[in-house]
Protein backbone atom coordinates (compact mmCIF):
# COMPACT_ATOMS: atom_id res chain seq x y z
CA UNK A 1 54.86 125.34 49.77
CA UNK A 2 51.09 124.55 50.34
CA UNK A 3 51.25 121.62 48.12
CA UNK A 4 54.53 120.18 49.10
CA UNK A 5 53.34 120.05 53.22
CA UNK A 6 50.51 118.40 51.48
CA UNK A 7 52.46 116.09 50.45
CA UNK A 8 54.58 114.75 53.01
CA UNK A 9 52.09 115.17 55.67
CA UNK A 10 50.40 111.77 53.22
CA UNK A 11 53.48 110.49 52.66
CA UNK A 12 54.43 110.14 56.39
CA UNK A 13 50.54 108.81 56.74
CA UNK A 14 50.55 106.17 54.36
CA UNK A 15 54.20 104.86 55.49
CA UNK A 16 52.60 104.87 59.48
CA UNK A 17 49.39 103.04 57.59
CA UNK A 18 50.58 101.14 56.10
CA UNK A 19 53.33 99.95 59.72
CA UNK A 20 49.91 100.18 62.62
CA UNK A 21 48.77 97.11 59.71
CA UNK A 22 52.28 95.28 59.26
CA UNK A 23 52.88 95.07 62.71
CA UNK A 24 48.17 94.95 64.29
CA UNK A 25 48.21 91.16 65.63
CA UNK A 26 46.30 88.92 63.08
CA UNK A 27 42.30 87.44 63.65
CA UNK A 28 42.95 84.05 63.62
CA UNK A 29 40.81 80.89 64.88
CA UNK A 30 42.72 79.34 67.28
CA UNK A 31 43.04 75.13 67.69
CA UNK A 32 41.28 72.76 68.58
CA UNK A 33 38.10 75.62 67.84
CA UNK A 34 35.73 72.86 67.19
CA UNK A 35 31.22 72.37 66.30
CA UNK A 36 31.37 70.07 68.89
CA UNK A 37 28.39 68.59 70.00
CA UNK A 38 28.06 69.96 73.13
CA UNK A 39 28.10 73.38 71.83
CA UNK A 40 25.45 72.89 69.51
CA UNK A 41 23.27 71.67 72.71
CA UNK A 42 24.01 75.45 73.45
CA UNK A 43 23.09 75.74 70.57
CA UNK A 44 19.71 74.69 70.85
CA UNK A 45 18.94 76.00 73.59
CA UNK A 46 19.43 79.43 73.68
CA UNK A 47 16.41 80.95 72.87
CA UNK A 48 16.04 83.13 70.07
CA UNK A 49 16.69 86.74 70.36
CA UNK A 50 15.03 87.32 66.64
CA UNK A 51 13.82 84.66 63.92
CA UNK A 52 13.74 80.98 64.08
CA UNK A 53 16.15 78.80 67.35
CA UNK A 54 18.05 76.68 66.22
CA UNK A 55 17.12 72.95 66.00
CA UNK A 56 19.28 69.83 65.44
CA UNK A 57 17.57 70.09 61.60
CA UNK A 58 20.18 72.92 60.87
CA UNK A 59 23.54 70.91 61.83
CA UNK A 60 21.30 68.39 59.28
CA UNK A 61 24.82 68.65 57.15
CA UNK A 62 24.83 72.57 56.16
CA UNK A 63 26.56 75.56 56.86
CA UNK A 64 25.65 77.73 60.63
CA UNK A 65 26.66 81.31 60.73
CA UNK A 66 26.71 82.60 65.31
CA UNK A 67 26.41 85.89 64.89
CA UNK A 68 27.49 86.83 68.04
CA UNK A 69 27.02 91.38 69.11
CA UNK A 70 27.64 92.88 71.77
CA UNK A 71 26.58 96.90 72.90
CA UNK A 72 28.44 98.59 75.19
């Protein structure tokens, strides 16, 4: 009896989880999102929290990853 109840609970849970994933909004970057000269100037002007500051040399044909972390 307990085994049947556990099986049913797992089945319902798996179904609910897959339904939630199916209907969740997708994380897609919108059109027009690009690294413009204004954005580059803004990044260069920021004070680094840790590490080296962003300079023009970092944009010289290399990929750049900008991470923003906020703790509320």
